[in-house]
Amino acid sequence: MSSSTLANTSSTARVQNLISSWGLLVLLIGLFLLFSILKADTFLTAFTFNSVLNARSIYALLALAVMIPLAANHFDLSVASVLGFAQVLANGLQTQQGLSWQVAVGIIVVGGGLVGFINGLLVSRAGVSSFIATLGSGTVLLGLNQWYTGGQQVIGSLPESFTALSGMIPGIGIPVVVLYVAAFAVLLWIVFEYLPIGRFLYIIGDNPRAADLMGINSARYITLAFVASGVLAAFAGVILQAQLLVGQSTVGQEMLLPAFTGALLGVTSVRPGRANVGGTLLAVAVLAIAVTGLSQLGAPFFVEPLFNGAMLITTVGLAEYSRRRRERKSVGG
């Protein structure tokens, strides 16, 4: 092969890698510019900006929760039920059981970790598929949620110190929930980029057999991943209740698809082929901008689930196509 051909091949590969890594960012910028032109009077406003940040930050937290066990190639379908029950308990434990908000939040977060621990044991020790295990635990939580609420709203006066958890950052004018997303994102980025546990989860996800041969305690790290996922989902539920101020047993399930779409779409960006923090946040931002822009253009209410579902199918299809290409190249090489 001539040197010019090699150079062209190398250049093409670099362009493909660049597009693969930062395609979501380009799409995000393109969507932002498009809707800024089409709906400049409503899209480019502080109200829209803060509304998107306030609402979609909860989706970002839930997507990060999904991302953690996804790094080990496991799915946590219980995150939406954990969030839903957490937001009900955040109200009920204060207004019905008379606990302080600090104690209530502590119980809820520990409870989320316990659900994750049970999920982890079912998957890593009992050998139950993560899809089945978390679907089952999520359904149980949904039933407990309906039992606790009786299918009714949980209403009561919440202290200002609790509702301030979802307030605005003084002097900046943006929702404080953005800080929570940033904090968890930085923490998870450090874990997955620089700490052994992050590398171990990636190895487990890529090749469980190789992880065993390397002496990695897969059961321990898989369980820890599910515990972290449960804790983060429970925390997201607490913050959601600080926004809603009313406990609703029907809230939470509608967030599962967008959260999984964000986490799976994130696998295709920044570090293609691996669940990662940057890609997940970019994916959530793309979904948020797209849904907001389409809504302001007059799209009906059912466009959001249609869009999220189509994006999920497309994402999984592209990921599978990329995986098969890599396998063919490795075989051919």
Foldseek 3Di string as FASTA:
>chain_A
DDPVVVVVVVVVVVVVVVCLACVLVVLLVVLLVVLCVVPVPPCPDPVNVQVLCLVLLLLLLLLVLQLLLVLLVAGQLQLLLLLQLLLQQLQCCCFPVNDASVVSLVVSLVVLLVLLLQLLCCCQPVVDGSVVSNVVSNVVSLVVLCVVQVQHKRADDHDPVQLLQQPADPPPGHTPSVVVSVVVLVVVQCCLPPNPLNVLSNCSNVPVVVSVVVVHPVSVSSSVSSSSSSSSSSVSSSNVSSVVNMRGSVGRSVSSLSSNLLQLQLCSYNPNNGRHSVSSVSSSSSLSSVVSSCVVVPDDPCVSVVVSVVSSVVSVVVSVVVVVVVVVVVVVD
